[in-house]
Amino acid sequence: MSFLSDIFKPEAANKVNNENIILNKAGDLLYIEFKNLKKYSDILTHCFTTRLGGVSGGECSSLNLSFNRNDSKENILKNYGLIADAIGVDFDKMVLSNQIHDNRIRLVQPEDAGKGLIKESDIIGFDGLSTNHAGIPLVTFYADCVPVLMLDPVKKAVTAVHSGWKSTVKNIAYHALMLMKDTYNSNFKDIQVAIGPSICKNCFEVDIEVYNCFIDTFSWCNRFTGYRNGKYYIDLQQIIRQVMIDAGVLEQNLVISNICTKCNKDIFFSYRGDKGKTGSLAAIMMLK
């Protein structure tokens, strides 16, 4: 029995399945949708990929979607074709981010379609993408960092951000909310937020310097941290959730996947779990 068929057993899927997500299978592909976003499937196509169902080999096996990993361009383009077909988006209109663990977010326009995939891109140094234009799939990348996906179903706008620890300290999720308010006149009470698979508190071990960065930024975050054996442990997902709620996002409009990429590195790429030799997952969001 193959590794892939083992993962697709119901008991294996149950490791990452819960009430906040929908686990989908298309051929050999396994990918996730978020239930609060899925309610708006008339205006939104979205997914969060797993590492399963692609053509890449070695440390990037098998659905690597980043050109910055130890993988061939040919494999990566095939992987994009597979996921584009599975979720029903245009391959040649995908727009890719270029992430540097900062808090800048790029407003994506129709003329940006294809940048980073089939066109040269000037989208450099942005850890988030946002648009209110239909038909443009936004692609952001992850391998333990936190995906934060936002939909305003009233103003019909989306934003996706990559929130690693540095971007979390730089409050990228709050910057994304403010961008939606300032750009699209979004009301925070209308915004749906999904916080995707990423490293959990028990796996995110940091030293005192990183811990102090969080305390300096979020004086209240001690309840989302731990300490044992000389190391600190930080719950990035819960800190981001609290930032969003404090800003005015309604609790009922915000879901957390409750999935750890490192604990489930057989299903997800994990930078820490794979000791840096890994591929990249992707979040894809497209307005219809």
C-alpha atoms as a PDB file:
ATOM      1  CA  MET A   1       0.000   0.000   0.000  1.00  0.00           C
ATOM      2  CA  SER A   2       1.406   3.393  -0.980  1.00  0.00           C
ATOM      3  CA  PHE A   3       2.099   6.333   1.308  1.00  0.00           C
ATOM      4  CA  LEU A   4      -0.597   8.321  -0.489  1.00  0.00           C
ATOM      5  CA  SER A   5      -3.243   5.631  -0.049  1.00  0.00           C
ATOM      6  CA  ASP A   6      -2.351   5.422   3.638  1.00  0.00           C
ATOM      7  CA  ILE A   7      -2.949   9.148   4.066  1.00  0.00           C
ATOM      8  CA  PHE A   8      -6.291   8.963   2.279  1.00  0.00           C
ATOM      9  CA  LYS A   9      -7.632   6.381   4.704  1.00  0.00           C
ATOM     10  CA  PRO A  10     -10.469   7.887   6.779  1.00  0.00           C
ATOM     11  CA  GLU A  11      -8.515   7.471  10.011  1.00  0.00           C
ATOM     12  CA  ALA A  12      -5.565   9.400   8.540  1.00  0.00           C
ATOM     13  CA  ALA A  13      -7.808  12.203   7.271  1.00  0.00           C
ATOM     14  CA  ASN A  14      -9.342  12.426  10.728  1.00  0.00           C
ATOM     15  CA  LYS A  15      -5.971  13.607  12.059  1.00  0.00           C
ATOM     16  CA  VAL A  16      -6.545  16.960  10.409  1.00  0.00           C
ATOM     17  CA  ASN A  17     -10.307  17.017   9.917  1.00  0.00           C
ATOM     18  CA  ASN A  18     -12.468  19.089  12.248  1.00  0.00           C
ATOM     19  CA  GLU A  19     -15.621  21.188  12.371  1.00  0.00           C
ATOM     20  CA  ASN A  20     -13.921  24.288  10.962  1.00  0.00           C
ATOM     21  CA  ILE A  21     -12.633  22.823   7.713  1.00  0.00           C
ATOM     22  CA  ILE A  22     -13.665  20.767   4.715  1.00  0.00           C
ATOM     23  CA  LEU A  23     -11.135  18.196   3.522  1.00  0.00           C
ATOM     24  CA  ASN A  24     -11.348  17.683  -0.250  1.00  0.00           C
ATOM     25  CA  LYS A  25      -9.864  15.047  -2.519  1.00  0.00           C
ATOM     26  CA  ALA A  26      -9.473  15.530  -6.279  1.00  0.00           C
ATOM     27  CA  GLY A  27      -7.613  12.645  -7.849  1.00  0.00           C
ATOM     28  CA  ASP A  28      -4.436  12.374  -5.769  1.00  0.00           C
ATOM     29  CA  LEU A  29      -4.774  15.928  -4.459  1.00  0.00           C
ATOM     30  CA  LEU A  30      -5.829  16.617  -0.900  1.00  0.00           C
ATOM     31  CA  TYR A  31      -6.713  20.216  -0.045  1.00  0.00           C
ATOM     32  CA  ILE A  32      -8.652  22.182   2.555  1.00  0.00           C
ATOM     33  CA  GLU A  33     -11.467  24.707   2.485  1.00  0.00           C
ATOM     34  CA  PHE A  34     -12.670  26.695   5.480  1.00  0.00           C
ATOM     35  CA  LYS A  35     -16.328  26.338   6.393  1.00  0.00           C
ATOM     36  CA  ASN A  36     -16.955  30.023   7.088  1.00  0.00           C
ATOM     37  CA  LEU A  37     -15.492  30.980   3.696  1.00  0.00           C
ATOM     38  CA  LYS A  38     -17.186  28.099   1.903  1.00  0.00           C
ATOM     39  CA  LYS A  39     -20.561  29.632   2.798  1.00  0.00           C
ATOM     40  CA  TYR A  40     -19.734  32.321   0.237  1.00  0.00           C
ATOM     41  CA  SER A  41     -18.860  29.983  -2.623  1.00  0.00           C
ATOM     42  CA  ASP A  42     -21.107  32.031  -4.900  1.00  0.00           C
ATOM     43  CA  ILE A  43     -18.512  34.836  -4.774  1.00  0.00           C
ATOM     44  CA  LEU A  44     -15.313  33.083  -3.596  1.00  0.00           C
ATOM     45  CA  THR A  45     -13.118  30.183  -4.635  1.00  0.00           C
ATOM     46  CA  HIS A  46     -10.463  29.310  -2.084  1.00  0.00           C
ATOM     47  CA  CYS A  47      -8.268  26.537  -0.750  1.00  0.00           C
ATOM     48  CA  PHE A  48      -5.283  25.709   1.411  1.00  0.00           C
ATOM     49  CA  THR A  49      -3.071  23.001  -0.025  1.00  0.00           C
ATOM     50  CA  THR A  50      -1.482  19.982   1.623  1.00  0.00           C
ATOM     51  CA  ARG A  51       1.786  18.455   0.480  1.00  0.00           C
ATOM     52  CA  LEU A  52      -0.061  15.600  -1.223  1.00  0.00           C
ATOM     53  CA  GLY A  53      -0.963  14.927  -4.835  1.00  0.00           C
ATOM     54  CA  GLY A  54       1.751  16.682  -6.837  1.00  0.00           C
ATOM     55  CA  VAL A  55       4.649  15.576  -9.018  1.00  0.00           C
ATOM     56  CA  SER A  56       7.662  16.912  -7.082  1.00  0.00           C
ATOM     57  CA  GLY A  57      10.128  14.521  -5.479  1.00  0.00           C
ATOM     58  CA  GLY A  58      12.630  14.382  -2.646  1.00  0.00           C
ATOM     59  CA  GLU A  59      12.279  16.958   0.104  1.00  0.00           C
ATOM     60  CA  CYS A  60       9.592  18.754  -1.915  1.00  0.00           C
ATOM     61  CA  SER A  61       7.419  15.684  -2.325  1.00  0.00           C
ATOM     62  CA  SER A  62       4.919  16.140  -3.682  1.00  0.00           C
ATOM     63  CA  LEU A  63       2.773  19.299  -4.144  1.00  0.00           C
ATOM     64  CA  ASN A  64       5.429  21.984  -3.702  1.00  0.00           C
ATOM     65  CA  LEU A  65       4.217  25.378  -4.976  1.00  0.00           C
ATOM     66  CA  SER A  66       7.223  27.601  -4.320  1.00  0.00           C
ATOM     67  CA  PHE A  67       9.936  28.451  -6.831  1.00  0.00           C
ATOM     68  CA  ASN A  68      12.299  29.148  -3.915  1.00  0.00           C
ATOM     69  CA  ARG A  69      12.660  25.508  -2.873  1.00  0.00           C
ATOM     70  CA  ASN A  70      14.886  22.675  -4.080  1.00  0.00           C
ATOM     71  CA  ASP A  71      12.588  21.770  -6.944  1.00  0.00           C
ATOM     72  CA  SER A  72      12.450  22.119 -10.724  1.00  0.00           C
ATOM     73  CA  LYS A  73      10.393  24.768 -12.490  1.00  0.00           C
ATOM     74  CA  GLU A  74       8.822  22.027 -14.594  1.00  0.00           C
ATOM     75  CA  ASN A  75       7.522  20.200 -11.513  1.00  0.00           C
ATOM     76  CA  ILE A  76       6.218  23.378  -9.907  1.00  0.00           C
ATOM     77  CA  LEU A  77       4.318  24.462 -13.014  1.00  0.00           C
ATOM     78  CA  LYS A  78       2.736  21.004 -13.217  1.00  0.00           C
ATOM     79  CA  ASN A  79       1.720  21.301  -9.581  1.00  0.00           C
ATOM     80  CA  TYR A  80       0.073  24.654 -10.263  1.00  0.00           C
ATOM     81  CA  GLY A  81      -1.822  23.121 -13.149  1.00  0.00           C
ATOM     82  CA  LEU A  82      -3.087  20.333 -10.902  1.00  0.00           C
ATOM     83  CA  ILE A  83      -4.381  22.611  -8.145  1.00  0.00           C
ATOM     84  CA  ALA A  84      -5.806  25.143 -10.618  1.00  0.00           C
ATOM     85  CA  ASP A  85      -7.795  22.391 -12.336  1.00  0.00           C
ATOM     86  CA  ALA A  86      -8.936  20.925  -9.022  1.00  0.00           C
ATOM     87  CA  ILE A  87     -10.433  24.142  -7.648  1.00  0.00           C
ATOM     88  CA  GLY A  88     -11.446  25.700 -10.956  1.00  0.00           C
ATOM     89  CA  VAL A  89      -9.244  28.788 -11.340  1.00  0.00           C
ATOM     90  CA  ASP A  90      -7.295  30.079 -14.335  1.00  0.00           C
ATOM     91  CA  PHE A  91      -3.672  28.898 -14.175  1.00  0.00           C
ATOM     92  CA  ASP A  92      -2.411  31.836 -16.220  1.00  0.00           C
ATOM     93  CA  LYS A  93      -4.054  34.467 -14.004  1.00  0.00           C
ATOM     94  CA  MET A  94      -2.541  33.377 -10.685  1.00  0.00           C
ATOM     95  CA  VAL A  95      -0.650  36.123  -8.842  1.00  0.00           C
ATOM     96  CA  LEU A  96       2.147  35.032  -6.510  1.00  0.00           C
ATOM     97  CA  SER A  97       3.446  36.856  -3.457  1.00  0.00           C
ATOM     98  CA  ASN A  98       7.127  37.381  -2.677  1.00  0.00           C
ATOM     99  CA  GLN A  99       7.427  37.117   1.091  1.00  0.00           C
ATOM    100  CA  ILE A 100      10.120  38.556   3.365  1.00  0.00           C
ATOM    101  CA  HIS A 101       8.510  38.289   6.849  1.00  0.00           C
ATOM    102  CA  ASP A 102       7.378  41.912   6.881  1.00  0.00           C
ATOM    103  CA  ASN A 103       3.920  43.519   7.001  1.00  0.00           C
ATOM    104  CA  ARG A 104       3.497  45.004   3.509  1.00  0.00           C
ATOM    105  CA  ILE A 105       0.406  44.055   1.509  1.00  0.00           C
ATOM    106  CA  ARG A 106       0.079  44.497  -2.246  1.00  0.00           C
ATOM    107  CA  LEU A 107      -3.138  45.695  -3.859  1.00  0.00           C
ATOM    108  CA  VAL A 108      -3.550  43.438  -6.889  1.00  0.00           C
ATOM    109  CA  GLN A 109      -5.015  44.867 -10.103  1.00  0.00           C
ATOM    110  CA  PRO A 110      -6.202  43.103 -13.287  1.00  0.00           C
ATOM    111  CA  GLU A 111      -2.933  43.948 -15.048  1.00  0.00           C
ATOM    112  CA  ASP A 112      -1.084  41.921 -12.379  1.00  0.00           C
ATOM    113  CA  ALA A 113      -2.660  38.637 -13.520  1.00  0.00           C
ATOM    114  CA  GLY A 114      -0.025  35.963 -14.051  1.00  0.00           C
ATOM    115  CA  LYS A 115       2.784  37.754 -12.220  1.00  0.00           C
ATOM    116  CA  GLY A 116       5.205  35.409 -10.530  1.00  0.00           C
ATOM    117  CA  LEU A 117       3.949  32.361 -12.414  1.00  0.00           C
ATOM    118  CA  ILE A 118       3.934  32.981 -16.157  1.00  0.00           C
ATOM    119  CA  LYS A 119       5.093  36.642 -16.127  1.00  0.00           C
ATOM    120  CA  GLU A 120       7.964  38.551 -14.580  1.00  0.00           C
ATOM    121  CA  SER A 121       6.803  40.125 -11.353  1.00  0.00           C
ATOM    122  CA  ASP A 122       7.329  43.447  -9.639  1.00  0.00           C
ATOM    123  CA  ILE A 123       5.476  42.140  -6.570  1.00  0.00           C
ATOM    124  CA  ILE A 124       8.569  42.002  -4.381  1.00  0.00           C
ATOM    125  CA  GLY A 125       8.720  42.225  -0.602  1.00  0.00           C
ATOM    126  CA  PHE A 126       5.021  41.740   0.127  1.00  0.00           C
ATOM    127  CA  ASP A 127       3.722  39.274   2.714  1.00  0.00           C
ATOM    128  CA  GLY A 128       0.108  39.801   1.736  1.00  0.00           C
ATOM    129  CA  LEU A 129      -2.063  40.229  -1.335  1.00  0.00           C
ATOM    130  CA  SER A 130      -5.452  41.933  -1.599  1.00  0.00           C
ATOM    131  CA  THR A 131      -7.964  42.612  -4.346  1.00  0.00           C
ATOM    132  CA  ASN A 132     -11.585  43.411  -5.104  1.00  0.00           C
ATOM    133  CA  HIS A 133     -11.274  42.306  -8.745  1.00  0.00           C
ATOM    134  CA  ALA A 134     -12.909  39.059  -9.824  1.00  0.00           C
ATOM    135  CA  GLY A 135     -11.065  36.279 -11.612  1.00  0.00           C
ATOM    136  CA  ILE A 136      -7.592  36.862 -10.137  1.00  0.00           C
ATOM    137  CA  PRO A 137      -6.363  34.015  -7.895  1.00  0.00           C
ATOM    138  CA  LEU A 138      -4.110  35.318  -5.109  1.00  0.00           C
ATOM    139  CA  VAL A 139      -1.390  32.890  -3.972  1.00  0.00           C
ATOM    140  CA  THR A 140       0.501  33.158  -0.674  1.00  0.00           C
ATOM    141  CA  PHE A 141       2.972  30.603   0.743  1.00  0.00           C
ATOM    142  CA  TYR A 142       3.477  28.747   4.031  1.00  0.00           C
ATOM    143  CA  ALA A 143       5.489  26.003   5.732  1.00  0.00           C
ATOM    144  CA  ASP A 144       4.666  26.579   9.462  1.00  0.00           C
ATOM    145  CA  CYS A 145       3.833  30.313   9.281  1.00  0.00           C
ATOM    146  CA  VAL A 146       0.212  31.317   9.799  1.00  0.00           C
ATOM    147  CA  PRO A 147      -2.174  31.833   6.860  1.00  0.00           C
ATOM    148  CA  VAL A 148      -4.738  34.545   7.604  1.00  0.00           C
ATOM    149  CA  LEU A 149      -7.457  34.690   4.948  1.00  0.00           C
ATOM    150  CA  MET A 150     -10.052  37.471   4.920  1.00  0.00           C
ATOM    151  CA  LEU A 151     -13.234  37.941   2.923  1.00  0.00           C
ATOM    152  CA  ASP A 152     -15.572  40.906   2.967  1.00  0.00           C
ATOM    153  CA  PRO A 153     -18.708  39.433   1.373  1.00  0.00           C
ATOM    154  CA  VAL A 154     -20.461  42.819   1.408  1.00  0.00           C
ATOM    155  CA  LYS A 155     -17.812  44.869  -0.407  1.00  0.00           C
ATOM    156  CA  LYS A 156     -16.590  41.745  -2.270  1.00  0.00           C
ATOM    157  CA  ALA A 157     -12.907  41.996  -1.403  1.00  0.00           C
ATOM    158  CA  VAL A 158     -10.293  39.509  -0.224  1.00  0.00           C
ATOM    159  CA  THR A 159      -6.940  39.703   1.533  1.00  0.00           C
ATOM    160  CA  ALA A 160      -4.508  36.906   2.351  1.00  0.00           C
ATOM    161  CA  VAL A 161      -1.450  37.393   4.567  1.00  0.00           C
ATOM    162  CA  HIS A 162       1.533  35.283   5.571  1.00  0.00           C
ATOM    163  CA  SER A 163       2.033  35.788   9.294  1.00  0.00           C
ATOM    164  CA  GLY A 164       5.229  34.200  10.549  1.00  0.00           C
ATOM    165  CA  TRP A 165       6.492  35.293  13.938  1.00  0.00           C
ATOM    166  CA  LYS A 166       8.185  38.421  12.563  1.00  0.00           C
ATOM    167  CA  SER A 167       5.106  39.456  10.589  1.00  0.00           C
ATOM    168  CA  THR A 168       2.928  38.707  13.609  1.00  0.00           C
ATOM    169  CA  VAL A 169       5.057  41.006  15.763  1.00  0.00           C
ATOM    170  CA  LYS A 170       4.761  43.591  12.974  1.00  0.00           C
ATOM    171  CA  ASN A 171       0.974  43.120  13.243  1.00  0.00           C
ATOM    172  CA  ILE A 172       0.344  42.208   9.612  1.00  0.00           C
ATOM    173  CA  ALA A 173      -3.161  40.899  10.381  1.00  0.00           C
ATOM    174  CA  TYR A 174      -4.198  44.257  11.815  1.00  0.00           C
ATOM    175  CA  HIS A 175      -2.598  46.069   8.856  1.00  0.00           C
ATOM    176  CA  ALA A 176      -4.690  43.858   6.581  1.00  0.00           C
ATOM    177  CA  LEU A 177      -7.891  44.833   8.359  1.00  0.00           C
ATOM    178  CA  MET A 178      -7.009  48.515   8.118  1.00  0.00           C
ATOM    179  CA  LEU A 179      -6.192  48.125   4.432  1.00  0.00           C
ATOM    180  CA  MET A 180      -9.635  46.623   3.831  1.00  0.00           C
ATOM    181  CA  LYS A 181     -11.291  49.435   5.748  1.00  0.00           C
ATOM    182  CA  ASP A 182      -9.313  52.191   4.010  1.00  0.00           C
ATOM    183  CA  THR A 183      -9.368  50.679   0.508  1.00  0.00           C
ATOM    184  CA  TYR A 184     -12.760  49.000   0.256  1.00  0.00           C
ATOM    185  CA  ASN A 185     -14.644  50.760   3.068  1.00  0.00           C
ATOM    186  CA  SER A 186     -15.045  47.393   4.794  1.00  0.00           C
ATOM    187  CA  ASN A 187     -16.832  47.118   8.108  1.00  0.00           C
ATOM    188  CA  PHE A 188     -14.857  44.805  10.406  1.00  0.00           C
ATOM    189  CA  LYS A 189     -18.119  43.212  11.538  1.00  0.00           C
ATOM    190  CA  ASP A 190     -18.711  41.956   7.998  1.00  0.00           C
ATOM    191  CA  ILE A 191     -15.287  40.377   7.504  1.00  0.00           C
ATOM    192  CA  GLN A 192     -14.914  36.598   7.595  1.00  0.00           C
ATOM    193  CA  VAL A 193     -11.496  35.376   8.767  1.00  0.00           C
ATOM    194  CA  ALA A 194      -9.933  31.923   8.493  1.00  0.00           C
ATOM    195  CA  ILE A 195      -6.663  31.152  10.286  1.00  0.00           C
ATOM    196  CA  GLY A 196      -5.145  28.154   8.557  1.00  0.00           C
ATOM    197  CA  PRO A 197      -2.814  25.251   9.387  1.00  0.00           C
ATOM    198  CA  SER A 198       0.457  26.398  10.948  1.00  0.00           C
ATOM    199  CA  ILE A 199       2.823  25.546  13.764  1.00  0.00           C
ATOM    200  CA  CYS A 200       1.114  25.043  17.132  1.00  0.00           C
ATOM    201  CA  LYS A 201       2.090  26.439  20.521  1.00  0.00           C
ATOM    202  CA  ASN A 202       3.679  23.178  21.705  1.00  0.00           C
ATOM    203  CA  CYS A 203       5.912  23.069  18.614  1.00  0.00           C
ATOM    204  CA  PHE A 204       6.817  26.767  18.371  1.00  0.00           C
ATOM    205  CA  GLU A 205       9.787  26.939  20.712  1.00  0.00           C
ATOM    206  CA  VAL A 206      11.631  30.278  20.907  1.00  0.00           C
ATOM    207  CA  ASP A 207      14.331  31.942  22.979  1.00  0.00           C
ATOM    208  CA  ILE A 208      13.858  34.885  25.322  1.00  0.00           C
ATOM    209  CA  GLU A 209      14.727  37.445  22.625  1.00  0.00           C
ATOM    210  CA  VAL A 210      11.802  36.373  20.445  1.00  0.00           C
ATOM    211  CA  TYR A 211       9.528  36.065  23.477  1.00  0.00           C
ATOM    212  CA  ASN A 212      10.383  39.636  24.479  1.00  0.00           C
ATOM    213  CA  CYS A 213       9.474  40.862  20.990  1.00  0.00           C
ATOM    214  CA  PHE A 214       5.962  39.524  21.538  1.00  0.00           C
ATOM    215  CA  ILE A 215       5.634  40.949  25.040  1.00  0.00           C
ATOM    216  CA  ASP A 216       6.832  44.343  23.845  1.00  0.00           C
ATOM    217  CA  THR A 217       4.190  44.354  21.080  1.00  0.00           C
ATOM    218  CA  PHE A 218       1.334  42.523  22.797  1.00  0.00           C
ATOM    219  CA  SER A 219       1.537  43.181  26.535  1.00  0.00           C
ATOM    220  CA  TRP A 220      -1.472  40.888  27.038  1.00  0.00           C
ATOM    221  CA  CYS A 221      -0.101  37.841  25.213  1.00  0.00           C
ATOM    222  CA  ASN A 222       1.274  35.957  28.236  1.00  0.00           C
ATOM    223  CA  ARG A 223      -1.886  33.844  28.337  1.00  0.00           C
ATOM    224  CA  PHE A 224      -0.934  32.509  24.915  1.00  0.00           C
ATOM    225  CA  THR A 225       2.647  31.597  25.845  1.00  0.00           C
ATOM    226  CA  GLY A 226       4.321  28.879  27.906  1.00  0.00           C
ATOM    227  CA  TYR A 227       7.693  28.177  29.468  1.00  0.00           C
ATOM    228  CA  ARG A 228       9.527  24.922  30.115  1.00  0.00           C
ATOM    229  CA  ASN A 229      13.133  23.744  30.227  1.00  0.00           C
ATOM    230  CA  GLY A 230      14.523  27.193  29.562  1.00  0.00           C
ATOM    231  CA  LYS A 231      12.483  27.788  26.411  1.00  0.00           C
ATOM    232  CA  TYR A 232       9.365  29.802  25.622  1.00  0.00           C
ATOM    233  CA  TYR A 233       6.412  28.561  23.572  1.00  0.00           C
ATOM    234  CA  ILE A 234       4.092  30.909  21.683  1.00  0.00           C
ATOM    235  CA  ASP A 235       0.627  30.358  20.223  1.00  0.00           C
ATOM    236  CA  LEU A 236       0.708  32.428  17.050  1.00  0.00           C
ATOM    237  CA  GLN A 237      -2.800  31.414  15.972  1.00  0.00           C
ATOM    238  CA  GLN A 238      -4.410  32.572  19.216  1.00  0.00           C
ATOM    239  CA  ILE A 239      -2.479  35.844  19.320  1.00  0.00           C
ATOM    240  CA  ILE A 240      -3.599  36.650  15.770  1.00  0.00           C
ATOM    241  CA  ARG A 241      -7.164  35.674  16.650  1.00  0.00           C
ATOM    242  CA  GLN A 242      -7.120  38.044  19.640  1.00  0.00           C
ATOM    243  CA  VAL A 243      -5.740  40.901  17.517  1.00  0.00           C
ATOM    244  CA  MET A 244      -8.611  40.459  15.066  1.00  0.00           C
ATOM    245  CA  ILE A 245     -11.283  40.294  17.767  1.00  0.00           C
ATOM    246  CA  ASP A 246      -9.879  43.337  19.569  1.00  0.00           C
ATOM    247  CA  ALA A 247     -10.031  45.211  16.262  1.00  0.00           C
ATOM    248  CA  GLY A 248     -13.733  44.430  15.856  1.00  0.00           C
ATOM    249  CA  VAL A 249     -13.971  41.149  13.923  1.00  0.00           C
ATOM    250  CA  LEU A 250     -16.907  39.154  15.301  1.00  0.00           C
ATOM    251  CA  GLU A 251     -15.978  35.904  17.046  1.00  0.00           C
ATOM    252  CA  GLN A 252     -18.602  34.009  15.073  1.00  0.00           C
ATOM    253  CA  ASN A 253     -16.969  35.208  11.835  1.00  0.00           C
ATOM    254  CA  LEU A 254     -13.516  33.892  12.726  1.00  0.00           C
ATOM    255  CA  VAL A 255     -12.364  30.277  12.592  1.00  0.00           C
ATOM    256  CA  ILE A 256      -9.057  28.622  13.426  1.00  0.00           C
ATOM    257  CA  SER A 257      -8.143  25.402  11.665  1.00  0.00           C
ATOM    258  CA  ASN A 258      -6.699  23.885  14.867  1.00  0.00           C
ATOM    259  CA  ILE A 259      -4.168  22.008  12.730  1.00  0.00           C
ATOM    260  CA  CYS A 260      -0.415  22.002  13.351  1.00  0.00           C
ATOM    261  CA  THR A 261       1.795  21.668  10.290  1.00  0.00           C
ATOM    262  CA  LYS A 262       4.750  20.309  12.293  1.00  0.00           C
ATOM    263  CA  CYS A 263       2.667  17.710  14.141  1.00  0.00           C
ATOM    264  CA  ASN A 264       1.272  16.613  10.764  1.00  0.00           C
ATOM    265  CA  LYS A 265       4.375  16.928   8.571  1.00  0.00           C
ATOM    266  CA  ASP A 266       3.319  13.805   6.689  1.00  0.00           C
ATOM    267  CA  ILE A 267       0.401  15.842   5.314  1.00  0.00           C
ATOM    268  CA  PHE A 268       1.823  19.391   5.332  1.00  0.00           C
ATOM    269  CA  PHE A 269       5.195  20.914   4.570  1.00  0.00           C
ATOM    270  CA  SER A 270       6.837  22.033   7.822  1.00  0.00           C
ATOM    271  CA  TYR A 271      10.030  24.068   7.928  1.00  0.00           C
ATOM    272  CA  ARG A 272      10.776  23.019  11.498  1.00  0.00           C
ATOM    273  CA  GLY A 273       9.475  19.492  11.139  1.00  0.00           C
ATOM    274  CA  ASP A 274      11.532  18.907   7.989  1.00  0.00           C
ATOM    275  CA  LYS A 275      14.576  20.740   9.379  1.00  0.00           C
ATOM    276  CA  GLY A 276      14.502  23.353   6.635  1.00  0.00           C
ATOM    277  CA  LYS A 277      14.471  20.854   3.764  1.00  0.00           C
ATOM    278  CA  THR A 278      10.896  21.133   2.616  1.00  0.00           C
ATOM    279  CA  GLY A 279       8.469  22.543   0.077  1.00  0.00           C
ATOM    280  CA  SER A 280       5.780  25.189   0.378  1.00  0.00           C
ATOM    281  CA  LEU A 281       2.047  25.041   0.891  1.00  0.00           C
ATOM    282  CA  ALA A 282      -0.198  27.722  -0.596  1.00  0.00           C
ATOM    283  CA  ALA A 283      -3.413  29.548   0.176  1.00  0.00           C
ATOM    284  CA  ILE A 284      -5.397  30.511  -2.906  1.00  0.00           C
ATOM    285  CA  MET A 285      -8.264  33.019  -2.916  1.00  0.00           C
ATOM    286  CA  MET A 286     -10.216  34.234  -5.954  1.00  0.00           C
ATOM    287  CA  LEU A 287     -13.323  36.368  -6.204  1.00  0.00           C
ATOM    288  CA  LYS A 288     -15.829  35.213  -8.812  1.00  0.00           C
END
